[in-house]
Each structure stands twice: as C-alpha cells, then as structure tokens.
C-alpha cells in the first residue's frame, strides 16, 4: 500500500535523489 511504502522508500532502498514523478 503506497500509504505505507512511500514513507520507507529512501530509508529502505538505496536509490538516488528523486528526479521525476508520475502519479496515476
């Protein structure tokens, strides 16, 4: 559920800075 996974996105996954976002 995005309401949960969005909060741990950067702490749990080693991903670079956010550059582009698509929401659908």
PDBML (XML) file of the C-alpha atoms, coordinates in Angstrom:
<?xml version="1.0" encoding="UTF-8" ?>
<PDBx:datablock datablockName="MODEL"
   xmlns:PDBx="http://pdbml.pdb.org/schema/pdbx-v50.xsd"
   xmlns:xsi="http://www.w3.org/2001/XMLSchema-instance"
   xsi:schemaLocation="http://pdbml.pdb.org/schema/pdbx-v50.xsd pdbx-v50.xsd">
   <PDBx:atom_siteCategory>
      <PDBx:atom_site id="1">
         <PDBx:B_iso_or_equiv>0.00</PDBx:B_iso_or_equiv>
         <PDBx:Cartn_x>0.000</PDBx:Cartn_x>
         <PDBx:Cartn_y>0.000</PDBx:Cartn_y>
         <PDBx:Cartn_z>0.000</PDBx:Cartn_z>
         <PDBx:auth_asym_id>A</PDBx:auth_asym_id>
         <PDBx:auth_atom_id>CA</PDBx:auth_atom_id>
         <PDBx:auth_comp_id>UNK</PDBx:auth_comp_id>
         <PDBx:auth_seq_id>1</PDBx:auth_seq_id>
         <PDBx:group_PDB>ATOM</PDBx:group_PDB>
         <PDBx:label_alt_id xsi:nil="true" />
         <PDBx:label_asym_id>A</PDBx:label_asym_id>
         <PDBx:label_atom_id>CA</PDBx:label_atom_id>
         <PDBx:label_comp_id>UNK</PDBx:label_comp_id>
         <PDBx:label_entity_id>1</PDBx:label_entity_id>
         <PDBx:label_seq_id>1</PDBx:label_seq_id>
         <PDBx:occupancy>1.00</PDBx:occupancy>
         <PDBx:pdbx_PDB_model_num>1</PDBx:pdbx_PDB_model_num>
         <PDBx:type_symbol>C</PDBx:type_symbol>
      </PDBx:atom_site>
      <PDBx:atom_site id="2">
         <PDBx:B_iso_or_equiv>0.00</PDBx:B_iso_or_equiv>
         <PDBx:Cartn_x>1.518</PDBx:Cartn_x>
         <PDBx:Cartn_y>3.308</PDBx:Cartn_y>
         <PDBx:Cartn_z>-1.115</PDBx:Cartn_z>
         <PDBx:auth_asym_id>A</PDBx:auth_asym_id>
         <PDBx:auth_atom_id>CA</PDBx:auth_atom_id>
         <PDBx:auth_comp_id>UNK</PDBx:auth_comp_id>
         <PDBx:auth_seq_id>2</PDBx:auth_seq_id>
         <PDBx:group_PDB>ATOM</PDBx:group_PDB>
         <PDBx:label_alt_id xsi:nil="true" />
         <PDBx:label_asym_id>A</PDBx:label_asym_id>
         <PDBx:label_atom_id>CA</PDBx:label_atom_id>
         <PDBx:label_comp_id>UNK</PDBx:label_comp_id>
         <PDBx:label_entity_id>1</PDBx:label_entity_id>
         <PDBx:label_seq_id>2</PDBx:label_seq_id>
         <PDBx:occupancy>1.00</PDBx:occupancy>
         <PDBx:pdbx_PDB_model_num>1</PDBx:pdbx_PDB_model_num>
         <PDBx:type_symbol>C</PDBx:type_symbol>
      </PDBx:atom_site>
      <PDBx:atom_site id="3">
         <PDBx:B_iso_or_equiv>0.00</PDBx:B_iso_or_equiv>
         <PDBx:Cartn_x>0.376</PDBx:Cartn_x>
         <PDBx:Cartn_y>4.954</PDBx:Cartn_y>
         <PDBx:Cartn_z>2.113</PDBx:Cartn_z>
         <PDBx:auth_asym_id>A</PDBx:auth_asym_id>
         <PDBx:auth_atom_id>CA</PDBx:auth_atom_id>
         <PDBx:auth_comp_id>UNK</PDBx:auth_comp_id>
         <PDBx:auth_seq_id>3</PDBx:auth_seq_id>
         <PDBx:group_PDB>ATOM</PDBx:group_PDB>
         <PDBx:label_alt_id xsi:nil="true" />
         <PDBx:label_asym_id>A</PDBx:label_asym_id>
         <PDBx:label_atom_id>CA</PDBx:label_atom_id>
         <PDBx:label_comp_id>UNK</PDBx:label_comp_id>
         <PDBx:label_entity_id>1</PDBx:label_entity_id>
         <PDBx:label_seq_id>3</PDBx:label_seq_id>
         <PDBx:occupancy>1.00</PDBx:occupancy>
         <PDBx:pdbx_PDB_model_num>1</PDBx:pdbx_PDB_model_num>
         <PDBx:type_symbol>C</PDBx:type_symbol>
      </PDBx:atom_site>
      <PDBx:atom_site id="4">
         <PDBx:B_iso_or_equiv>0.00</PDBx:B_iso_or_equiv>
         <PDBx:Cartn_x>2.888</PDBx:Cartn_x>
         <PDBx:Cartn_y>2.704</PDBx:Cartn_y>
         <PDBx:Cartn_z>3.874</PDBx:Cartn_z>
         <PDBx:auth_asym_id>A</PDBx:auth_asym_id>
         <PDBx:auth_atom_id>CA</PDBx:auth_atom_id>
         <PDBx:auth_comp_id>UNK</PDBx:auth_comp_id>
         <PDBx:auth_seq_id>4</PDBx:auth_seq_id>
         <PDBx:group_PDB>ATOM</PDBx:group_PDB>
         <PDBx:label_alt_id xsi:nil="true" />
         <PDBx:label_asym_id>A</PDBx:label_asym_id>
         <PDBx:label_atom_id>CA</PDBx:label_atom_id>
         <PDBx:label_comp_id>UNK</PDBx:label_comp_id>
         <PDBx:label_entity_id>1</PDBx:label_entity_id>
         <PDBx:label_seq_id>4</PDBx:label_seq_id>
         <PDBx:occupancy>1.00</PDBx:occupancy>
         <PDBx:pdbx_PDB_model_num>1</PDBx:pdbx_PDB_model_num>
         <PDBx:type_symbol>C</PDBx:type_symbol>
      </PDBx:atom_site>
      <PDBx:atom_site id="5">
         <PDBx:B_iso_or_equiv>0.00</PDBx:B_iso_or_equiv>
         <PDBx:Cartn_x>5.689</PDBx:Cartn_x>
         <PDBx:Cartn_y>2.107</PDBx:Cartn_y>
         <PDBx:Cartn_z>1.352</PDBx:Cartn_z>
         <PDBx:auth_asym_id>A</PDBx:auth_asym_id>
         <PDBx:auth_atom_id>CA</PDBx:auth_atom_id>
         <PDBx:auth_comp_id>UNK</PDBx:auth_comp_id>
         <PDBx:auth_seq_id>5</PDBx:auth_seq_id>
         <PDBx:group_PDB>ATOM</PDBx:group_PDB>
         <PDBx:label_alt_id xsi:nil="true" />
         <PDBx:label_asym_id>A</PDBx:label_asym_id>
         <PDBx:label_atom_id>CA</PDBx:label_atom_id>
         <PDBx:label_comp_id>UNK</PDBx:label_comp_id>
         <PDBx:label_entity_id>1</PDBx:label_entity_id>
         <PDBx:label_seq_id>5</PDBx:label_seq_id>
         <PDBx:occupancy>1.00</PDBx:occupancy>
         <PDBx:pdbx_PDB_model_num>1</PDBx:pdbx_PDB_model_num>
         <PDBx:type_symbol>C</PDBx:type_symbol>
      </PDBx:atom_site>
      <PDBx:atom_site id="6">
         <PDBx:B_iso_or_equiv>0.00</PDBx:B_iso_or_equiv>
         <PDBx:Cartn_x>6.154</PDBx:Cartn_x>
         <PDBx:Cartn_y>5.784</PDBx:Cartn_y>
         <PDBx:Cartn_z>0.494</PDBx:Cartn_z>
         <PDBx:auth_asym_id>A</PDBx:auth_asym_id>
         <PDBx:auth_atom_id>CA</PDBx:auth_atom_id>
         <PDBx:auth_comp_id>UNK</PDBx:auth_comp_id>
         <PDBx:auth_seq_id>6</PDBx:auth_seq_id>
         <PDBx:group_PDB>ATOM</PDBx:group_PDB>
         <PDBx:label_alt_id xsi:nil="true" />
         <PDBx:label_asym_id>A</PDBx:label_asym_id>
         <PDBx:label_atom_id>CA</PDBx:label_atom_id>
         <PDBx:label_comp_id>UNK</PDBx:label_comp_id>
         <PDBx:label_entity_id>1</PDBx:label_entity_id>
         <PDBx:label_seq_id>6</PDBx:label_seq_id>
         <PDBx:occupancy>1.00</PDBx:occupancy>
         <PDBx:pdbx_PDB_model_num>1</PDBx:pdbx_PDB_model_num>
         <PDBx:type_symbol>C</PDBx:type_symbol>
      </PDBx:atom_site>
      <PDBx:atom_site id="7">
         <PDBx:B_iso_or_equiv>0.00</PDBx:B_iso_or_equiv>
         <PDBx:Cartn_x>7.448</PDBx:Cartn_x>
         <PDBx:Cartn_y>6.523</PDBx:Cartn_y>
         <PDBx:Cartn_z>3.993</PDBx:Cartn_z>
         <PDBx:auth_asym_id>A</PDBx:auth_asym_id>
         <PDBx:auth_atom_id>CA</PDBx:auth_atom_id>
         <PDBx:auth_comp_id>UNK</PDBx:auth_comp_id>
         <PDBx:auth_seq_id>7</PDBx:auth_seq_id>
         <PDBx:group_PDB>ATOM</PDBx:group_PDB>
         <PDBx:label_alt_id xsi:nil="true" />
         <PDBx:label_asym_id>A</PDBx:label_asym_id>
         <PDBx:label_atom_id>CA</PDBx:label_atom_id>
         <PDBx:label_comp_id>UNK</PDBx:label_comp_id>
         <PDBx:label_entity_id>1</PDBx:label_entity_id>
         <PDBx:label_seq_id>7</PDBx:label_seq_id>
         <PDBx:occupancy>1.00</PDBx:occupancy>
         <PDBx:pdbx_PDB_model_num>1</PDBx:pdbx_PDB_model_num>
         <PDBx:type_symbol>C</PDBx:type_symbol>
      </PDBx:atom_site>
      <PDBx:atom_site id="8">
         <PDBx:B_iso_or_equiv>0.00</PDBx:B_iso_or_equiv>
         <PDBx:Cartn_x>10.266</PDBx:Cartn_x>
         <PDBx:Cartn_y>3.961</PDBx:Cartn_y>
         <PDBx:Cartn_z>3.834</PDBx:Cartn_z>
         <PDBx:auth_asym_id>A</PDBx:auth_asym_id>
         <PDBx:auth_atom_id>CA</PDBx:auth_atom_id>
         <PDBx:auth_comp_id>UNK</PDBx:auth_comp_id>
         <PDBx:auth_seq_id>8</PDBx:auth_seq_id>
         <PDBx:group_PDB>ATOM</PDBx:group_PDB>
         <PDBx:label_alt_id xsi:nil="true" />
         <PDBx:label_asym_id>A</PDBx:label_asym_id>
         <PDBx:label_atom_id>CA</PDBx:label_atom_id>
         <PDBx:label_comp_id>UNK</PDBx:label_comp_id>
         <PDBx:label_entity_id>1</PDBx:label_entity_id>
         <PDBx:label_seq_id>8</PDBx:label_seq_id>
         <PDBx:occupancy>1.00</PDBx:occupancy>
         <PDBx:pdbx_PDB_model_num>1</PDBx:pdbx_PDB_model_num>
         <PDBx:type_symbol>C</PDBx:type_symbol>
      </PDBx:atom_site>
      <PDBx:atom_site id="9">
         <PDBx:B_iso_or_equiv>0.00</PDBx:B_iso_or_equiv>
         <PDBx:Cartn_x>11.199</PDBx:Cartn_x>
         <PDBx:Cartn_y>4.480</PDBx:Cartn_y>
         <PDBx:Cartn_z>0.192</PDBx:Cartn_z>
         <PDBx:auth_asym_id>A</PDBx:auth_asym_id>
         <PDBx:auth_atom_id>CA</PDBx:auth_atom_id>
         <PDBx:auth_comp_id>UNK</PDBx:auth_comp_id>
         <PDBx:auth_seq_id>9</PDBx:auth_seq_id>
         <PDBx:group_PDB>ATOM</PDBx:group_PDB>
         <PDBx:label_alt_id xsi:nil="true" />
         <PDBx:label_asym_id>A</PDBx:label_asym_id>
         <PDBx:label_atom_id>CA</PDBx:label_atom_id>
         <PDBx:label_comp_id>UNK</PDBx:label_comp_id>
         <PDBx:label_entity_id>1</PDBx:label_entity_id>
         <PDBx:label_seq_id>9</PDBx:label_seq_id>
         <PDBx:occupancy>1.00</PDBx:occupancy>
         <PDBx:pdbx_PDB_model_num>1</PDBx:pdbx_PDB_model_num>
         <PDBx:type_symbol>C</PDBx:type_symbol>
      </PDBx:atom_site>
      <PDBx:atom_site id="10">
         <PDBx:B_iso_or_equiv>0.00</PDBx:B_iso_or_equiv>
         <PDBx:Cartn_x>14.502</PDBx:Cartn_x>
         <PDBx:Cartn_y>6.270</PDBx:Cartn_y>
         <PDBx:Cartn_z>0.755</PDBx:Cartn_z>
         <PDBx:auth_asym_id>A</PDBx:auth_asym_id>
         <PDBx:auth_atom_id>CA</PDBx:auth_atom_id>
         <PDBx:auth_comp_id>UNK</PDBx:auth_comp_id>
         <PDBx:auth_seq_id>10</PDBx:auth_seq_id>
         <PDBx:group_PDB>ATOM</PDBx:group_PDB>
         <PDBx:label_alt_id xsi:nil="true" />
         <PDBx:label_asym_id>A</PDBx:label_asym_id>
         <PDBx:label_atom_id>CA</PDBx:label_atom_id>
         <PDBx:label_comp_id>UNK</PDBx:label_comp_id>
         <PDBx:label_entity_id>1</PDBx:label_entity_id>
         <PDBx:label_seq_id>10</PDBx:label_seq_id>
         <PDBx:occupancy>1.00</PDBx:occupancy>
         <PDBx:pdbx_PDB_model_num>1</PDBx:pdbx_PDB_model_num>
         <PDBx:type_symbol>C</PDBx:type_symbol>
      </PDBx:atom_site>
      <PDBx:atom_site id="11">
         <PDBx:B_iso_or_equiv>0.00</PDBx:B_iso_or_equiv>
         <PDBx:Cartn_x>15.443</PDBx:Cartn_x>
         <PDBx:Cartn_y>4.654</PDBx:Cartn_y>
         <PDBx:Cartn_z>4.069</PDBx:Cartn_z>
         <PDBx:auth_asym_id>A</PDBx:auth_asym_id>
         <PDBx:auth_atom_id>CA</PDBx:auth_atom_id>
         <PDBx:auth_comp_id>UNK</PDBx:auth_comp_id>
         <PDBx:auth_seq_id>11</PDBx:auth_seq_id>
         <PDBx:group_PDB>ATOM</PDBx:group_PDB>
         <PDBx:label_alt_id xsi:nil="true" />
         <PDBx:label_asym_id>A</PDBx:label_asym_id>
         <PDBx:label_atom_id>CA</PDBx:label_atom_id>
         <PDBx:label_comp_id>UNK</PDBx:label_comp_id>
         <PDBx:label_entity_id>1</PDBx:label_entity_id>
         <PDBx:label_seq_id>11</PDBx:label_seq_id>
         <PDBx:occupancy>1.00</PDBx:occupancy>
         <PDBx:pdbx_PDB_model_num>1</PDBx:pdbx_PDB_model_num>
         <PDBx:type_symbol>C</PDBx:type_symbol>
      </PDBx:atom_site>
      <PDBx:atom_site id="12">
         <PDBx:B_iso_or_equiv>0.00</PDBx:B_iso_or_equiv>
         <PDBx:Cartn_x>14.783</PDBx:Cartn_x>
         <PDBx:Cartn_y>1.079</PDBx:Cartn_y>
         <PDBx:Cartn_z>2.953</PDBx:Cartn_z>
         <PDBx:auth_asym_id>A</PDBx:auth_asym_id>
         <PDBx:auth_atom_id>CA</PDBx:auth_atom_id>
         <PDBx:auth_comp_id>UNK</PDBx:auth_comp_id>
         <PDBx:auth_seq_id>12</PDBx:auth_seq_id>
         <PDBx:group_PDB>ATOM</PDBx:group_PDB>
         <PDBx:label_alt_id xsi:nil="true" />
         <PDBx:label_asym_id>A</PDBx:label_asym_id>
         <PDBx:label_atom_id>CA</PDBx:label_atom_id>
         <PDBx:label_comp_id>UNK</PDBx:label_comp_id>
         <PDBx:label_entity_id>1</PDBx:label_entity_id>
         <PDBx:label_seq_id>12</PDBx:label_seq_id>
         <PDBx:occupancy>1.00</PDBx:occupancy>
         <PDBx:pdbx_PDB_model_num>1</PDBx:pdbx_PDB_model_num>
         <PDBx:type_symbol>C</PDBx:type_symbol>
      </PDBx:atom_site>
      <PDBx:atom_site id="13">
         <PDBx:B_iso_or_equiv>0.00</PDBx:B_iso_or_equiv>
         <PDBx:Cartn_x>16.025</PDBx:Cartn_x>
         <PDBx:Cartn_y>1.258</PDBx:Cartn_y>
         <PDBx:Cartn_z>-0.631</PDBx:Cartn_z>
         <PDBx:auth_asym_id>A</PDBx:auth_asym_id>
         <PDBx:auth_atom_id>CA</PDBx:auth_atom_id>
         <PDBx:auth_comp_id>UNK</PDBx:auth_comp_id>
         <PDBx:auth_seq_id>13</PDBx:auth_seq_id>
         <PDBx:group_PDB>ATOM</PDBx:group_PDB>
         <PDBx:label_alt_id xsi:nil="true" />
         <PDBx:label_asym_id>A</PDBx:label_asym_id>
         <PDBx:label_atom_id>CA</PDBx:label_atom_id>
         <PDBx:label_comp_id>UNK</PDBx:label_comp_id>
         <PDBx:label_entity_id>1</PDBx:label_entity_id>
         <PDBx:label_seq_id>13</PDBx:label_seq_id>
         <PDBx:occupancy>1.00</PDBx:occupancy>
         <PDBx:pdbx_PDB_model_num>1</PDBx:pdbx_PDB_model_num>
         <PDBx:type_symbol>C</PDBx:type_symbol>
      </PDBx:atom_site>
      <PDBx:atom_site id="14">
         <PDBx:B_iso_or_equiv>0.00</PDBx:B_iso_or_equiv>
         <PDBx:Cartn_x>19.368</PDBx:Cartn_x>
         <PDBx:Cartn_y>2.606</PDBx:Cartn_y>
         <PDBx:Cartn_z>-1.833</PDBx:Cartn_z>
         <PDBx:auth_asym_id>A</PDBx:auth_asym_id>
         <PDBx:auth_atom_id>CA</PDBx:auth_atom_id>
         <PDBx:auth_comp_id>UNK</PDBx:auth_comp_id>
         <PDBx:auth_seq_id>14</PDBx:auth_seq_id>
         <PDBx:group_PDB>ATOM</PDBx:group_PDB>
         <PDBx:label_alt_id xsi:nil="true" />
         <PDBx:label_asym_id>A</PDBx:label_asym_id>
         <PDBx:label_atom_id>CA</PDBx:label_atom_id>
         <PDBx:label_comp_id>UNK</PDBx:label_comp_id>
         <PDBx:label_entity_id>1</PDBx:label_entity_id>
         <PDBx:label_seq_id>14</PDBx:label_seq_id>
         <PDBx:occupancy>1.00</PDBx:occupancy>
         <PDBx:pdbx_PDB_model_num>1</PDBx:pdbx_PDB_model_num>
         <PDBx:type_symbol>C</PDBx:type_symbol>
      </PDBx:atom_site>
      <PDBx:atom_site id="15">
         <PDBx:B_iso_or_equiv>0.00</PDBx:B_iso_or_equiv>
         <PDBx:Cartn_x>18.053</PDBx:Cartn_x>
         <PDBx:Cartn_y>4.887</PDBx:Cartn_y>
         <PDBx:Cartn_z>-4.553</PDBx:Cartn_z>
         <PDBx:auth_asym_id>A</PDBx:auth_asym_id>
         <PDBx:auth_atom_id>CA</PDBx:auth_atom_id>
         <PDBx:auth_comp_id>UNK</PDBx:auth_comp_id>
         <PDBx:auth_seq_id>15</PDBx:auth_seq_id>
         <PDBx:group_PDB>ATOM</PDBx:group_PDB>
         <PDBx:label_alt_id xsi:nil="true" />
         <PDBx:label_asym_id>A</PDBx:label_asym_id>
         <PDBx:label_atom_id>CA</PDBx:label_atom_id>
         <PDBx:label_comp_id>UNK</PDBx:label_comp_id>
         <PDBx:label_entity_id>1</PDBx:label_entity_id>
         <PDBx:label_seq_id>15</PDBx:label_seq_id>
         <PDBx:occupancy>1.00</PDBx:occupancy>
         <PDBx:pdbx_PDB_model_num>1</PDBx:pdbx_PDB_model_num>
         <PDBx:type_symbol>C</PDBx:type_symbol>
      </PDBx:atom_site>
      <PDBx:atom_site id="16">
         <PDBx:B_iso_or_equiv>0.00</PDBx:B_iso_or_equiv>
         <PDBx:Cartn_x>19.429</PDBx:Cartn_x>
         <PDBx:Cartn_y>8.204</PDBx:Cartn_y>
         <PDBx:Cartn_z>-5.833</PDBx:Cartn_z>
         <PDBx:auth_asym_id>A</PDBx:auth_asym_id>
         <PDBx:auth_atom_id>CA</PDBx:auth_atom_id>
         <PDBx:auth_comp_id>UNK</PDBx:auth_comp_id>
         <PDBx:auth_seq_id>16</PDBx:auth_seq_id>
         <PDBx:group_PDB>ATOM</PDBx:group_PDB>
         <PDBx:label_alt_id xsi:nil="true" />
         <PDBx:label_asym_id>A</PDBx:label_asym_id>
         <PDBx:label_atom_id>CA</PDBx:label_atom_id>
         <PDBx:label_comp_id>UNK</PDBx:label_comp_id>
         <PDBx:label_entity_id>1</PDBx:label_entity_id>
         <PDBx:label_seq_id>16</PDBx:label_seq_id>
         <PDBx:occupancy>1.00</PDBx:occupancy>
         <PDBx:pdbx_PDB_model_num>1</PDBx:pdbx_PDB_model_num>
         <PDBx:type_symbol>C</PDBx:type_symbol>
      </PDBx:atom_site>
      <PDBx:atom_site id="17">
         <PDBx:B_iso_or_equiv>0.00</PDBx:B_iso_or_equiv>
         <PDBx:Cartn_x>17.657</PDBx:Cartn_x>
         <PDBx:Cartn_y>11.578</PDBx:Cartn_y>
         <PDBx:Cartn_z>-5.452</PDBx:Cartn_z>
         <PDBx:auth_asym_id>A</PDBx:auth_asym_id>
         <PDBx:auth_atom_id>CA</PDBx:auth_atom_id>
         <PDBx:auth_comp_id>UNK</PDBx:auth_comp_id>
         <PDBx:auth_seq_id>17</PDBx:auth_seq_id>
         <PDBx:group_PDB>ATOM</PDBx:group_PDB>
         <PDBx:label_alt_id xsi:nil="true" />
         <PDBx:label_asym_id>A</PDBx:label_asym_id>
         <PDBx:label_atom_id>CA</PDBx:label_atom_id>
         <PDBx:label_comp_id>UNK</PDBx:label_comp_id>
         <PDBx:label_entity_id>1</PDBx:label_entity_id>
         <PDBx:label_seq_id>17</PDBx:label_seq_id>
         <PDBx:occupancy>1.00</PDBx:occupancy>
         <PDBx:pdbx_PDB_model_num>1</PDBx:pdbx_PDB_model_num>
         <PDBx:type_symbol>C</PDBx:type_symbol>
      </PDBx:atom_site>
      <PDBx:atom_site id="18">
         <PDBx:B_iso_or_equiv>0.00</PDBx:B_iso_or_equiv>
         <PDBx:Cartn_x>14.166</PDBx:Cartn_x>
         <PDBx:Cartn_y>11.972</PDBx:Cartn_y>
         <PDBx:Cartn_z>-6.849</PDBx:Cartn_z>
         <PDBx:auth_asym_id>A</PDBx:auth_asym_id>
         <PDBx:auth_atom_id>CA</PDBx:auth_atom_id>
         <PDBx:auth_comp_id>UNK</PDBx:auth_comp_id>
         <PDBx:auth_seq_id>18</PDBx:auth_seq_id>
         <PDBx:group_PDB>ATOM</PDBx:group_PDB>
         <PDBx:label_alt_id xsi:nil="true" />
         <PDBx:label_asym_id>A</PDBx:label_asym_id>
         <PDBx:label_atom_id>CA</PDBx:label_atom_id>
         <PDBx:label_comp_id>UNK</PDBx:label_comp_id>
         <PDBx:label_entity_id>1</PDBx:label_entity_id>
         <PDBx:label_seq_id>18</PDBx:label_seq_id>
         <PDBx:occupancy>1.00</PDBx:occupancy>
         <PDBx:pdbx_PDB_model_num>1</PDBx:pdbx_PDB_model_num>
         <PDBx:type_symbol>C</PDBx:type_symbol>
      </PDBx:atom_site>
      <PDBx:atom_site id="19">
         <PDBx:B_iso_or_equiv>0.00</PDBx:B_iso_or_equiv>
         <PDBx:Cartn_x>14.121</PDBx:Cartn_x>
         <PDBx:Cartn_y>13.464</PDBx:Cartn_y>
         <PDBx:Cartn_z>-10.328</PDBx:Cartn_z>
         <PDBx:auth_asym_id>A</PDBx:auth_asym_id>
         <PDBx:auth_atom_id>CA</PDBx:auth_atom_id>
         <PDBx:auth_comp_id>UNK</PDBx:auth_comp_id>
         <PDBx:auth_seq_id>19</PDBx:auth_seq_id>
         <PDBx:group_PDB>ATOM</PDBx:group_PDB>
         <PDBx:label_alt_id xsi:nil="true" />
         <PDBx:label_asym_id>A</PDBx:label_asym_id>
         <PDBx:label_atom_id>CA</PDBx:label_atom_id>
         <PDBx:label_comp_id>UNK</PDBx:label_comp_id>
         <PDBx:label_entity_id>1</PDBx:label_entity_id>
         <PDBx:label_seq_id>19</PDBx:label_seq_id>
         <PDBx:occupancy>1.00</PDBx:occupancy>
         <PDBx:pdbx_PDB_model_num>1</PDBx:pdbx_PDB_model_num>
         <PDBx:type_symbol>C</PDBx:type_symbol>
      </PDBx:atom_site>
      <PDBx:atom_site id="20">
         <PDBx:B_iso_or_equiv>0.00</PDBx:B_iso_or_equiv>
         <PDBx:Cartn_x>10.726</PDBx:Cartn_x>
         <PDBx:Cartn_y>12.713</PDBx:Cartn_y>
         <PDBx:Cartn_z>-11.889</PDBx:Cartn_z>
         <PDBx:auth_asym_id>A</PDBx:auth_asym_id>
         <PDBx:auth_atom_id>CA</PDBx:auth_atom_id>
         <PDBx:auth_comp_id>UNK</PDBx:auth_comp_id>
         <PDBx:auth_seq_id>20</PDBx:auth_seq_id>
         <PDBx:group_PDB>ATOM</PDBx:group_PDB>
         <PDBx:label_alt_id xsi:nil="true" />
         <PDBx:label_asym_id>A</PDBx:label_asym_id>
         <PDBx:label_atom_id>CA</PDBx:label_atom_id>
         <PDBx:label_comp_id>UNK</PDBx:label_comp_id>
         <PDBx:label_entity_id>1</PDBx:label_entity_id>
         <PDBx:label_seq_id>20</PDBx:label_seq_id>
         <PDBx:occupancy>1.00</PDBx:occupancy>
         <PDBx:pdbx_PDB_model_num>1</PDBx:pdbx_PDB_model_num>
         <PDBx:type_symbol>C</PDBx:type_symbol>
      </PDBx:atom_site>
      <PDBx:atom_site id="21">
         <PDBx:B_iso_or_equiv>0.00</PDBx:B_iso_or_equiv>
         <PDBx:Cartn_x>7.360</PDBx:Cartn_x>
         <PDBx:Cartn_y>11.529</PDBx:Cartn_y>
         <PDBx:Cartn_z>-10.556</PDBx:Cartn_z>
         <PDBx:auth_asym_id>A</PDBx:auth_asym_id>
         <PDBx:auth_atom_id>CA</PDBx:auth_atom_id>
         <PDBx:auth_comp_id>UNK</PDBx:auth_comp_id>
         <PDBx:auth_seq_id>21</PDBx:auth_seq_id>
         <PDBx:group_PDB>ATOM</PDBx:group_PDB>
         <PDBx:label_alt_id xsi:nil="true" />
         <PDBx:label_asym_id>A</PDBx:label_asym_id>
         <PDBx:label_atom_id>CA</PDBx:label_atom_id>
         <PDBx:label_comp_id>UNK</PDBx:label_comp_id>
         <PDBx:label_entity_id>1</PDBx:label_entity_id>
         <PDBx:label_seq_id>21</PDBx:label_seq_id>
         <PDBx:occupancy>1.00</PDBx:occupancy>
         <PDBx:pdbx_PDB_model_num>1</PDBx:pdbx_PDB_model_num>
         <PDBx:type_symbol>C</PDBx:type_symbol>
      </PDBx:atom_site>
      <PDBx:atom_site id="22">
         <PDBx:B_iso_or_equiv>0.00</PDBx:B_iso_or_equiv>
         <PDBx:Cartn_x>4.305</PDBx:Cartn_x>
         <PDBx:Cartn_y>10.119</PDBx:Cartn_y>
         <PDBx:Cartn_z>-12.313</PDBx:Cartn_z>
         <PDBx:auth_asym_id>A</PDBx:auth_asym_id>
         <PDBx:auth_atom_id>CA</PDBx:auth_atom_id>
         <PDBx:auth_comp_id>UNK</PDBx:auth_comp_id>
         <PDBx:auth_seq_id>22</PDBx:auth_seq_id>
         <PDBx:group_PDB>ATOM</PDBx:group_PDB>
         <PDBx:label_alt_id xsi:nil="true" />
         <PDBx:label_asym_id>A</PDBx:label_asym_id>
         <PDBx:label_atom_id>CA</PDBx:label_atom_id>
         <PDBx:label_comp_id>UNK</PDBx:label_comp_id>
         <PDBx:label_entity_id>1</PDBx:label_entity_id>
         <PDBx:label_seq_id>22</PDBx:label_seq_id>
         <PDBx:occupancy>1.00</PDBx:occupancy>
         <PDBx:pdbx_PDB_model_num>1</PDBx:pdbx_PDB_model_num>
         <PDBx:type_symbol>C</PDBx:type_symbol>
      </PDBx:atom_site>
      <PDBx:atom_site id="23">
         <PDBx:B_iso_or_equiv>0.00</PDBx:B_iso_or_equiv>
         <PDBx:Cartn_x>1.075</PDBx:Cartn_x>
         <PDBx:Cartn_y>9.584</PDBx:Cartn_y>
         <PDBx:Cartn_z>-10.380</PDBx:Cartn_z>
         <PDBx:auth_asym_id>A</PDBx:auth_asym_id>
         <PDBx:auth_atom_id>CA</PDBx:auth_atom_id>
         <PDBx:auth_comp_id>UNK</PDBx:auth_comp_id>
         <PDBx:auth_seq_id>23</PDBx:auth_seq_id>
         <PDBx:group_PDB>ATOM</PDBx:group_PDB>
         <PDBx:label_alt_id xsi:nil="true" />
         <PDBx:label_asym_id>A</PDBx:label_asym_id>
         <PDBx:label_atom_id>CA</PDBx:label_atom_id>
         <PDBx:label_comp_id>UNK</PDBx:label_comp_id>
         <PDBx:label_entity_id>1</PDBx:label_entity_id>
         <PDBx:label_seq_id>23</PDBx:label_seq_id>
         <PDBx:occupancy>1.00</PDBx:occupancy>
         <PDBx:pdbx_PDB_model_num>1</PDBx:pdbx_PDB_model_num>
         <PDBx:type_symbol>C</PDBx:type_symbol>
      </PDBx:atom_site>
      <PDBx:atom_site id="24">
         <PDBx:B_iso_or_equiv>0.00</PDBx:B_iso_or_equiv>
         <PDBx:Cartn_x>-1.786</PDBx:Cartn_x>
         <PDBx:Cartn_y>7.553</PDBx:Cartn_y>
         <PDBx:Cartn_z>-11.855</PDBx:Cartn_z>
         <PDBx:auth_asym_id>A</PDBx:auth_asym_id>
         <PDBx:auth_atom_id>CA</PDBx:auth_atom_id>
         <PDBx:auth_comp_id>UNK</PDBx:auth_comp_id>
         <PDBx:auth_seq_id>24</PDBx:auth_seq_id>
         <PDBx:group_PDB>ATOM</PDBx:group_PDB>
         <PDBx:label_alt_id xsi:nil="true" />
         <PDBx:label_asym_id>A</PDBx:label_asym_id>
         <PDBx:label_atom_id>CA</PDBx:label_atom_id>
         <PDBx:label_comp_id>UNK</PDBx:label_comp_id>
         <PDBx:label_entity_id>1</PDBx:label_entity_id>
         <PDBx:label_seq_id>24</PDBx:label_seq_id>
         <PDBx:occupancy>1.00</PDBx:occupancy>
         <PDBx:pdbx_PDB_model_num>1</PDBx:pdbx_PDB_model_num>
         <PDBx:type_symbol>C</PDBx:type_symbol>
      </PDBx:atom_site>
   </PDBx:atom_siteCategory>
</PDBx:datablock>
